[in-house]
């Protein structure tokens, strides 16, 4: 399953409020699926 999460580029770094979303993409890949990071 290709799945994505979107992140707006309002600063040169995300903060830890976005870390749960990033970890969701990591879990997607860990279980054999395709993570797509939408900037």
ModelCIF file with pLDDT and N, C-alpha, C, O atoms, coordinates in Angstrom:
data_MODEL
#
_entry.id   MODEL 
#
_entity.id                         1 
_entity.type                       polymer 
_entity.pdbx_number_of_molecules   1 
#
_entity_poly.entity_id                      1 
_entity_poly.type                           'polypeptide(L)' 
_entity_poly.nstd_linkage                   no 
_entity_poly.nstd_monomer                   no 
_entity_poly.pdbx_seq_one_letter_code       
;(UNK)(UNK)(UNK)(UNK)(UNK)(UNK)(UNK)(UNK)(UNK)(UNK)(UNK)(UNK)(UNK)(UNK)(UNK)(UNK)
(UNK)(UNK)(UNK)(UNK)(UNK)(UNK)(UNK)(UNK)(UNK)(UNK)(UNK)(UNK)(UNK)(UNK)(UNK)(UNK)
(UNK)(UNK)(UNK)(UNK)(UNK)(UNK)(UNK)
;
_entity_poly.pdbx_seq_one_letter_code_can   XXXXXXXXXXXXXXXXXXXXXXXXXXXXXXXXXXXXXXX 
_entity_poly.pdbx_strand_id                 A 
#
loop_
_entity_poly_seq.entity_id 
_entity_poly_seq.num 
_entity_poly_seq.mon_id 
_entity_poly_seq.hetero 
1 1  UNK n 
1 2  UNK n 
1 3  UNK n 
1 4  UNK n 
1 5  UNK n 
1 6  UNK n 
1 7  UNK n 
1 8  UNK n 
1 9  UNK n 
1 10 UNK n 
1 11 UNK n 
1 12 UNK n 
1 13 UNK n 
1 14 UNK n 
1 15 UNK n 
1 16 UNK n 
1 17 UNK n 
1 18 UNK n 
1 19 UNK n 
1 20 UNK n 
1 21 UNK n 
1 22 UNK n 
1 23 UNK n 
1 24 UNK n 
1 25 UNK n 
1 26 UNK n 
1 27 UNK n 
1 28 UNK n 
1 29 UNK n 
1 30 UNK n 
1 31 UNK n 
1 32 UNK n 
1 33 UNK n 
1 34 UNK n 
1 35 UNK n 
1 36 UNK n 
1 37 UNK n 
1 38 UNK n 
1 39 UNK n 
#
_struct_asym.id          A 
_struct_asym.entity_id   1 
#
loop_
_ma_qa_metric.id 
_ma_qa_metric.mode 
_ma_qa_metric.name 
_ma_qa_metric.software_group_id 
_ma_qa_metric.type 
1 global pLDDT . pLDDT 
2 local  pLDDT . pLDDT 
#
_ma_qa_metric_global.metric_id      1 
_ma_qa_metric_global.metric_value   95.92 
_ma_qa_metric_global.model_id       1 
_ma_qa_metric_global.ordinal_id     1 
#
loop_
_ma_qa_metric_local.label_asym_id 
_ma_qa_metric_local.label_comp_id 
_ma_qa_metric_local.label_seq_id 
_ma_qa_metric_local.metric_id 
_ma_qa_metric_local.metric_value 
_ma_qa_metric_local.model_id 
_ma_qa_metric_local.ordinal_id 
A UNK 1  2 98.00 1 1  
A UNK 2  2 98.00 1 2  
A UNK 3  2 98.00 1 3  
A UNK 4  2 98.00 1 4  
A UNK 5  2 97.00 1 5  
A UNK 6  2 95.00 1 6  
A UNK 7  2 94.00 1 7  
A UNK 8  2 89.00 1 8  
A UNK 9  2 92.00 1 9  
A UNK 10 2 90.00 1 10 
A UNK 11 2 92.00 1 11 
A UNK 12 2 94.00 1 12 
A UNK 13 2 95.00 1 13 
A UNK 14 2 95.00 1 14 
A UNK 15 2 93.00 1 15 
A UNK 16 2 94.00 1 16 
A UNK 17 2 90.00 1 17 
A UNK 18 2 94.00 1 18 
A UNK 19 2 96.00 1 19 
A UNK 20 2 95.00 1 20 
A UNK 21 2 96.00 1 21 
A UNK 22 2 97.00 1 22 
A UNK 23 2 98.00 1 23 
A UNK 24 2 97.00 1 24 
A UNK 25 2 98.00 1 25 
A UNK 26 2 98.00 1 26 
A UNK 27 2 98.00 1 27 
A UNK 28 2 98.00 1 28 
A UNK 29 2 98.00 1 29 
A UNK 30 2 98.00 1 30 
A UNK 31 2 98.00 1 31 
A UNK 32 2 97.00 1 32 
A UNK 33 2 98.00 1 33 
A UNK 34 2 98.00 1 34 
A UNK 35 2 98.00 1 35 
A UNK 36 2 98.00 1 36 
A UNK 37 2 98.00 1 37 
A UNK 38 2 97.00 1 38 
A UNK 39 2 96.00 1 39 
#
loop_
_atom_site.group_PDB 
_atom_site.id 
_atom_site.type_symbol 
_atom_site.label_atom_id 
_atom_site.label_alt_id 
_atom_site.label_comp_id 
_atom_site.label_asym_id 
_atom_site.label_entity_id 
_atom_site.label_seq_id 
_atom_site.pdbx_PDB_ins_code 
_atom_site.Cartn_x 
_atom_site.Cartn_y 
_atom_site.Cartn_z 
_atom_site.occupancy 
_atom_site.B_iso_or_equiv 
_atom_site.pdbx_formal_charge 
_atom_site.auth_seq_id 
_atom_site.auth_comp_id 
_atom_site.auth_asym_id 
_atom_site.auth_atom_id 
_atom_site.pdbx_PDB_model_num 
ATOM 1   N N  . UNK A 1 1  ? 0.845  -1.197 0.000  1.00 98.00 ? 1  UNK A N  1 
ATOM 2   C CA . UNK A 1 1  ? 0.000  0.000  0.000  1.00 98.00 ? 1  UNK A CA 1 
ATOM 3   C C  . UNK A 1 1  ? 0.880  1.247  0.000  1.00 98.00 ? 1  UNK A C  1 
ATOM 4   O O  . UNK A 1 1  ? 1.579  1.499  0.982  1.00 98.00 ? 1  UNK A O  1 
ATOM 5   N N  . UNK A 1 2  ? 0.863  2.035  -1.082 1.00 98.00 ? 2  UNK A N  1 
ATOM 6   C CA . UNK A 1 2  ? 1.541  3.330  -1.028 1.00 98.00 ? 2  UNK A CA 1 
ATOM 7   C C  . UNK A 1 2  ? 0.692  4.315  -0.218 1.00 98.00 ? 2  UNK A C  1 
ATOM 8   O O  . UNK A 1 2  ? -0.477 4.541  -0.530 1.00 98.00 ? 2  UNK A O  1 
ATOM 9   N N  . UNK A 1 3  ? 1.288  4.891  0.814  1.00 98.00 ? 3  UNK A N  1 
ATOM 10  C CA . UNK A 1 3  ? 0.570  5.833  1.663  1.00 98.00 ? 3  UNK A CA 1 
ATOM 11  C C  . UNK A 1 3  ? 1.393  7.086  1.883  1.00 98.00 ? 3  UNK A C  1 
ATOM 12  O O  . UNK A 1 3  ? 2.623  7.047  1.843  1.00 98.00 ? 3  UNK A O  1 
ATOM 13  N N  . UNK A 1 4  ? 0.712  8.196  2.115  1.00 98.00 ? 4  UNK A N  1 
ATOM 14  C CA . UNK A 1 4  ? 1.464  9.456  2.255  1.00 98.00 ? 4  UNK A CA 1 
ATOM 15  C C  . UNK A 1 4  ? 0.940  10.302 3.401  1.00 98.00 ? 4  UNK A C  1 
ATOM 16  O O  . UNK A 1 4  ? -0.182 10.134 3.878  1.00 98.00 ? 4  UNK A O  1 
ATOM 17  N N  . UNK A 1 5  ? 1.798  11.218 3.820  1.00 97.00 ? 5  UNK A N  1 
ATOM 18  C CA . UNK A 1 5  ? 1.450  12.284 4.764  1.00 97.00 ? 5  UNK A CA 1 
ATOM 19  C C  . UNK A 1 5  ? 2.060  13.556 4.211  1.00 97.00 ? 5  UNK A C  1 
ATOM 20  O O  . UNK A 1 5  ? 3.177  13.540 3.693  1.00 97.00 ? 5  UNK A O  1 
ATOM 21  N N  . UNK A 1 6  ? 1.330  14.663 4.319  1.00 95.00 ? 6  UNK A N  1 
ATOM 22  C CA . UNK A 1 6  ? 1.818  15.942 3.817  1.00 95.00 ? 6  UNK A CA 1 
ATOM 23  C C  . UNK A 1 6  ? 2.392  16.809 4.924  1.00 95.00 ? 6  UNK A C  1 
ATOM 24  O O  . UNK A 1 6  ? 1.908  16.805 6.056  1.00 95.00 ? 6  UNK A O  1 
ATOM 25  N N  . UNK A 1 7  ? 3.443  17.557 4.570  1.00 94.00 ? 7  UNK A N  1 
ATOM 26  C CA . UNK A 1 7  ? 4.102  18.473 5.509  1.00 94.00 ? 7  UNK A CA 1 
ATOM 27  C C  . UNK A 1 7  ? 4.351  19.795 4.792  1.00 94.00 ? 7  UNK A C  1 
ATOM 28  O O  . UNK A 1 7  ? 4.979  19.816 3.733  1.00 94.00 ? 7  UNK A O  1 
ATOM 29  N N  . UNK A 1 8  ? 3.870  20.886 5.352  1.00 89.00 ? 8  UNK A N  1 
ATOM 30  C CA . UNK A 1 8  ? 4.172  22.188 4.773  1.00 89.00 ? 8  UNK A CA 1 
ATOM 31  C C  . UNK A 1 8  ? 5.556  22.646 5.214  1.00 89.00 ? 8  UNK A C  1 
ATOM 32  O O  . UNK A 1 8  ? 6.019  22.323 6.308  1.00 89.00 ? 8  UNK A O  1 
ATOM 33  N N  . UNK A 1 9  ? 6.207  23.408 4.333  1.00 92.00 ? 9  UNK A N  1 
ATOM 34  C CA . UNK A 1 9  ? 7.608  23.800 4.553  1.00 92.00 ? 9  UNK A CA 1 
ATOM 35  C C  . UNK A 1 9  ? 7.687  25.229 5.078  1.00 92.00 ? 9  UNK A C  1 
ATOM 36  O O  . UNK A 1 9  ? 8.241  26.111 4.422  1.00 92.00 ? 9  UNK A O  1 
ATOM 37  N N  . UNK A 1 10 ? 7.131  25.448 6.261  1.00 90.00 ? 10 UNK A N  1 
ATOM 38  C CA . UNK A 1 10 ? 7.085  26.797 6.815  1.00 90.00 ? 10 UNK A CA 1 
ATOM 39  C C  . UNK A 1 10 ? 8.331  27.163 7.622  1.00 90.00 ? 10 UNK A C  1 
ATOM 40  O O  . UNK A 1 10 ? 8.500  28.322 8.003  1.00 90.00 ? 10 UNK A O  1 
ATOM 41  N N  . UNK A 1 11 ? 9.205  26.189 7.886  1.00 92.00 ? 11 UNK A N  1 
ATOM 42  C CA . UNK A 1 11 ? 10.431 26.418 8.652  1.00 92.00 ? 11 UNK A CA 1 
ATOM 43  C C  . UNK A 1 11 ? 11.484 25.422 8.155  1.00 92.00 ? 11 UNK A C  1 
ATOM 44  O O  . UNK A 1 11 ? 11.139 24.441 7.497  1.00 92.00 ? 11 UNK A O  1 
ATOM 45  N N  . UNK A 1 12 ? 12.763 25.663 8.462  1.00 94.00 ? 12 UNK A N  1 
ATOM 46  C CA . UNK A 1 12 ? 13.816 24.750 7.985  1.00 94.00 ? 12 UNK A CA 1 
ATOM 47  C C  . UNK A 1 12 ? 13.861 23.427 8.728  1.00 94.00 ? 12 UNK A C  1 
ATOM 48  O O  . UNK A 1 12 ? 14.674 22.565 8.397  1.00 94.00 ? 12 UNK A O  1 
ATOM 49  N N  . UNK A 1 13 ? 13.003 23.247 9.729  1.00 95.00 ? 13 UNK A N  1 
ATOM 50  C CA . UNK A 1 13 ? 12.922 21.994 10.468 1.00 95.00 ? 13 UNK A CA 1 
ATOM 51  C C  . UNK A 1 13 ? 11.491 21.796 10.924 1.00 95.00 ? 13 UNK A C  1 
ATOM 52  O O  . UNK A 1 13 ? 10.777 22.763 11.188 1.00 95.00 ? 13 UNK A O  1 
ATOM 53  N N  . UNK A 1 14 ? 11.070 20.542 11.018 1.00 95.00 ? 14 UNK A N  1 
ATOM 54  C CA . UNK A 1 14 ? 9.829  20.213 11.702 1.00 95.00 ? 14 UNK A CA 1 
ATOM 55  C C  . UNK A 1 14 ? 10.116 20.137 13.205 1.00 95.00 ? 14 UNK A C  1 
ATOM 56  O O  . UNK A 1 14 ? 11.272 19.998 13.606 1.00 95.00 ? 14 UNK A O  1 
ATOM 57  N N  . UNK A 1 15 ? 9.078  20.228 14.033 1.00 93.00 ? 15 UNK A N  1 
ATOM 58  C CA . UNK A 1 15 ? 9.295  20.032 15.469 1.00 93.00 ? 15 UNK A CA 1 
ATOM 59  C C  . UNK A 1 15 ? 8.647  18.723 15.908 1.00 93.00 ? 15 UNK A C  1 
ATOM 60  O O  . UNK A 1 15 ? 8.047  18.022 15.094 1.00 93.00 ? 15 UNK A O  1 
ATOM 61  N N  . UNK A 1 16 ? 8.767  18.398 17.180 1.00 94.00 ? 16 UNK A N  1 
ATOM 62  C CA . UNK A 1 16 ? 8.356  17.064 17.611 1.00 94.00 ? 16 UNK A CA 1 
ATOM 63  C C  . UNK A 1 16 ? 6.854  16.845 17.503 1.00 94.00 ? 16 UNK A C  1 
ATOM 64  O O  . UNK A 1 16 ? 6.392  15.708 17.610 1.00 94.00 ? 16 UNK A O  1 
ATOM 65  N N  . UNK A 1 17 ? 6.085  17.902 17.294 1.00 90.00 ? 17 UNK A N  1 
ATOM 66  C CA . UNK A 1 17 ? 4.668  17.725 17.028 1.00 90.00 ? 17 UNK A CA 1 
ATOM 67  C C  . UNK A 1 17 ? 4.413  16.946 15.750 1.00 90.00 ? 17 UNK A C  1 
ATOM 68  O O  . UNK A 1 17 ? 3.347  16.354 15.584 1.00 90.00 ? 17 UNK A O  1 
ATOM 69  N N  . UNK A 1 18 ? 5.396  16.943 14.834 1.00 94.00 ? 18 UNK A N  1 
ATOM 70  C CA . UNK A 1 18 ? 5.288  16.195 13.572 1.00 94.00 ? 18 UNK A CA 1 
ATOM 71  C C  . UNK A 1 18 ? 5.907  14.804 13.666 1.00 94.00 ? 18 UNK A C  1 
ATOM 72  O O  . UNK A 1 18 ? 5.801  14.015 12.728 1.00 94.00 ? 18 UNK A O  1 
ATOM 73  N N  . UNK A 1 19 ? 6.551  14.499 14.791 1.00 96.00 ? 19 UNK A N  1 
ATOM 74  C CA . UNK A 1 19 ? 7.299  13.242 14.869 1.00 96.00 ? 19 UNK A CA 1 
ATOM 75  C C  . UNK A 1 19 ? 6.381  12.029 14.820 1.00 96.00 ? 19 UNK A C  1 
ATOM 76  O O  . UNK A 1 19 ? 6.761  10.996 14.268 1.00 96.00 ? 19 UNK A O  1 
ATOM 77  N N  . UNK A 1 20 ? 5.185  12.130 15.386 1.00 95.00 ? 20 UNK A N  1 
ATOM 78  C CA . UNK A 1 20 ? 4.280  10.983 15.339 1.00 95.00 ? 20 UNK A CA 1 
ATOM 79  C C  . UNK A 1 20 ? 3.889  10.677 13.893 1.00 95.00 ? 20 UNK A C  1 
ATOM 80  O O  . UNK A 1 20 ? 3.712  9.512  13.536 1.00 95.00 ? 20 UNK A O  1 
ATOM 81  N N  . UNK A 1 21 ? 3.753  11.720 13.050 1.00 96.00 ? 21 UNK A N  1 
ATOM 82  C CA . UNK A 1 21 ? 3.434  11.495 11.634 1.00 96.00 ? 21 UNK A CA 1 
ATOM 83  C C  . UNK A 1 21 ? 4.616  10.829 10.919 1.00 96.00 ? 21 UNK A C  1 
ATOM 84  O O  . UNK A 1 21 ? 4.429  9.922  10.108 1.00 96.00 ? 21 UNK A O  1 
ATOM 85  N N  . UNK A 1 22 ? 5.816  11.284 11.223 1.00 97.00 ? 22 UNK A N  1 
ATOM 86  C CA . UNK A 1 22 ? 7.003  10.693 10.607 1.00 97.00 ? 22 UNK A CA 1 
ATOM 87  C C  . UNK A 1 22 ? 7.131  9.224  11.018 1.00 97.00 ? 22 UNK A C  1 
ATOM 88  O O  . UNK A 1 22 ? 7.470  8.369  10.200 1.00 97.00 ? 22 UNK A O  1 
ATOM 89  N N  . UNK A 1 23 ? 6.857  8.945  12.291 1.00 98.00 ? 23 UNK A N  1 
ATOM 90  C CA . UNK A 1 23 ? 6.919  7.559  12.752 1.00 98.00 ? 23 UNK A CA 1 
ATOM 91  C C  . UNK A 1 23 ? 5.841  6.704  12.093 1.00 98.00 ? 23 UNK A C  1 
ATOM 92  O O  . UNK A 1 23 ? 6.050  5.508  11.885 1.00 98.00 ? 23 UNK A O  1 
ATOM 93  N N  . UNK A 1 24 ? 4.703  7.289  11.764 1.00 97.00 ? 24 UNK A N  1 
ATOM 94  C CA . UNK A 1 24 ? 3.668  6.545  11.031 1.00 97.00 ? 24 UNK A CA 1 
ATOM 95  C C  . UNK A 1 24 ? 4.211  6.081  9.683  1.00 97.00 ? 24 UNK A C  1 
ATOM 96  O O  . UNK A 1 24 ? 3.969  4.945  9.278  1.00 97.00 ? 24 UNK A O  1 
ATOM 97  N N  . UNK A 1 25 ? 4.939  6.946  8.990  1.00 98.00 ? 25 UNK A N  1 
ATOM 98  C CA . UNK A 1 25 ? 5.539  6.560  7.714  1.00 98.00 ? 25 UNK A CA 1 
ATOM 99  C C  . UNK A 1 25 ? 6.587  5.474  7.930  1.00 98.00 ? 25 UNK A C  1 
ATOM 100 O O  . UNK A 1 25 ? 6.717  4.561  7.114  1.00 98.00 ? 25 UNK A O  1 
ATOM 101 N N  . UNK A 1 26 ? 7.327  5.572  9.021  1.00 98.00 ? 26 UNK A N  1 
ATOM 102 C CA . UNK A 1 26 ? 8.310  4.541  9.354  1.00 98.00 ? 26 UNK A CA 1 
ATOM 103 C C  . UNK A 1 26 ? 7.615  3.193  9.586  1.00 98.00 ? 26 UNK A C  1 
ATOM 104 O O  . UNK A 1 26 ? 8.082  2.161  9.105  1.00 98.00 ? 26 UNK A O  1 
ATOM 105 N N  . UNK A 1 27 ? 6.500  3.206  10.323 1.00 98.00 ? 27 UNK A N  1 
ATOM 106 C CA . UNK A 1 27 ? 5.750  1.967  10.561 1.00 98.00 ? 27 UNK A CA 1 
ATOM 107 C C  . UNK A 1 27 ? 5.203  1.408  9.249  1.00 98.00 ? 27 UNK A C  1 
ATOM 108 O O  . UNK A 1 27 ? 5.170  0.192  9.054  1.00 98.00 ? 27 UNK A O  1 
ATOM 109 N N  . UNK A 1 28 ? 4.778  2.283  8.361  1.00 98.00 ? 28 UNK A N  1 
ATOM 110 C CA . UNK A 1 28 ? 4.285  1.841  7.059  1.00 98.00 ? 28 UNK A CA 1 
ATOM 111 C C  . UNK A 1 28 ? 5.373  1.053  6.334  1.00 98.00 ? 28 UNK A C  1 
ATOM 112 O O  . UNK A 1 28 ? 5.110  -0.015 5.781  1.00 98.00 ? 28 UNK A O  1 
ATOM 113 N N  . UNK A 1 29 ? 6.590  1.582  6.340  1.00 98.00 ? 29 UNK A N  1 
ATOM 114 C CA . UNK A 1 29 ? 7.701  0.910  5.668  1.00 98.00 ? 29 UNK A CA 1 
ATOM 115 C C  . UNK A 1 29 ? 8.121  -0.354 6.412  1.00 98.00 ? 29 UNK A C  1 
ATOM 116 O O  . UNK A 1 29 ? 8.456  -1.358 5.783  1.00 98.00 ? 29 UNK A O  1 
ATOM 117 N N  . UNK A 1 30 ? 8.108  -0.316 7.729  1.00 98.00 ? 30 UNK A N  1 
ATOM 118 C CA . UNK A 1 30 ? 8.502  -1.487 8.511  1.00 98.00 ? 30 UNK A CA 1 
ATOM 119 C C  . UNK A 1 30 ? 7.584  -2.687 8.268  1.00 98.00 ? 30 UNK A C  1 
ATOM 120 O O  . UNK A 1 30 ? 7.998  -3.834 8.438  1.00 98.00 ? 30 UNK A O  1 
ATOM 121 N N  . UNK A 1 31 ? 6.356  -2.423 7.875  1.00 98.00 ? 31 UNK A N  1 
ATOM 122 C CA . UNK A 1 31 ? 5.410  -3.521 7.641  1.00 98.00 ? 31 UNK A CA 1 
ATOM 123 C C  . UNK A 1 31 ? 5.259  -3.843 6.153  1.00 98.00 ? 31 UNK A C  1 
ATOM 124 O O  . UNK A 1 31 ? 4.281  -4.472 5.750  1.00 98.00 ? 31 UNK A O  1 
ATOM 125 N N  . UNK A 1 32 ? 6.228  -3.410 5.337  1.00 97.00 ? 32 UNK A N  1 
ATOM 126 C CA . UNK A 1 32 ? 6.274  -3.826 3.950  1.00 97.00 ? 32 UNK A CA 1 
ATOM 127 C C  . UNK A 1 32 ? 5.493  -2.975 2.973  1.00 97.00 ? 32 UNK A C  1 
ATOM 128 O O  . UNK A 1 32 ? 5.134  -3.447 1.894  1.00 97.00 ? 32 UNK A O  1 
ATOM 129 N N  . UNK A 1 33 ? 5.222  -1.721 3.332  1.00 98.00 ? 33 UNK A N  1 
ATOM 130 C CA . UNK A 1 33 ? 4.477  -0.835 2.442  1.00 98.00 ? 33 UNK A CA 1 
ATOM 131 C C  . UNK A 1 33 ? 5.345  0.356  2.034  1.00 98.00 ? 33 UNK A C  1 
ATOM 132 O O  . UNK A 1 33 ? 6.486  0.475  2.483  1.00 98.00 ? 33 UNK A O  1 
ATOM 133 N N  . UNK A 1 34 ? 4.814  1.227  1.195  1.00 98.00 ? 34 UNK A N  1 
ATOM 134 C CA . UNK A 1 34 ? 5.623  2.288  0.581  1.00 98.00 ? 34 UNK A CA 1 
ATOM 135 C C  . UNK A 1 34 ? 5.252  3.663  1.144  1.00 98.00 ? 34 UNK A C  1 
ATOM 136 O O  . UNK A 1 34 ? 4.142  4.140  0.910  1.00 98.00 ? 34 UNK A O  1 
ATOM 137 N N  . UNK A 1 35 ? 6.164  4.307  1.883  1.00 98.00 ? 35 UNK A N  1 
ATOM 138 C CA . UNK A 1 35 ? 5.885  5.640  2.411  1.00 98.00 ? 35 UNK A CA 1 
ATOM 139 C C  . UNK A 1 35 ? 6.221  6.737  1.395  1.00 98.00 ? 35 UNK A C  1 
ATOM 140 O O  . UNK A 1 35 ? 7.275  6.710  0.758  1.00 98.00 ? 35 UNK A O  1 
ATOM 141 N N  . UNK A 1 36 ? 5.317  7.687  1.258  1.00 98.00 ? 36 UNK A N  1 
ATOM 142 C CA . UNK A 1 36 ? 5.534  8.833  0.378  1.00 98.00 ? 36 UNK A CA 1 
ATOM 143 C C  . UNK A 1 36 ? 5.444  10.091 1.233  1.00 98.00 ? 36 UNK A C  1 
ATOM 144 O O  . UNK A 1 36 ? 4.425  10.358 1.869  1.00 98.00 ? 36 UNK A O  1 
ATOM 145 N N  . UNK A 1 37 ? 6.527  10.853 1.234  1.00 98.00 ? 37 UNK A N  1 
ATOM 146 C CA . UNK A 1 37 ? 6.582  12.114 1.971  1.00 98.00 ? 37 UNK A CA 1 
ATOM 147 C C  . UNK A 1 37 ? 6.179  13.223 1.008  1.00 98.00 ? 37 UNK A C  1 
ATOM 148 O O  . UNK A 1 37 ? 6.894  13.508 0.047  1.00 98.00 ? 37 UNK A O  1 
ATOM 149 N N  . UNK A 1 38 ? 5.056  13.835 1.262  1.00 97.00 ? 38 UNK A N  1 
ATOM 150 C CA . UNK A 1 38 ? 4.599  14.937 0.408  1.00 97.00 ? 38 UNK A CA 1 
ATOM 151 C C  . UNK A 1 38 ? 5.010  16.260 1.040  1.00 97.00 ? 38 UNK A C  1 
ATOM 152 O O  . UNK A 1 38 ? 4.505  16.630 2.100  1.00 97.00 ? 38 UNK A O  1 
ATOM 153 N N  . UNK A 1 39 ? 5.914  16.964 0.397  1.00 96.00 ? 39 UNK A N  1 
ATOM 154 C CA . UNK A 1 39 ? 6.276  18.298 0.841  1.00 96.00 ? 39 UNK A CA 1 
ATOM 155 C C  . UNK A 1 39 ? 5.363  19.308 0.146  1.00 96.00 ? 39 UNK A C  1 
ATOM 156 O O  . UNK A 1 39 ? 5.488  20.511 0.373  1.00 96.00 ? 39 UNK A O  1 
#
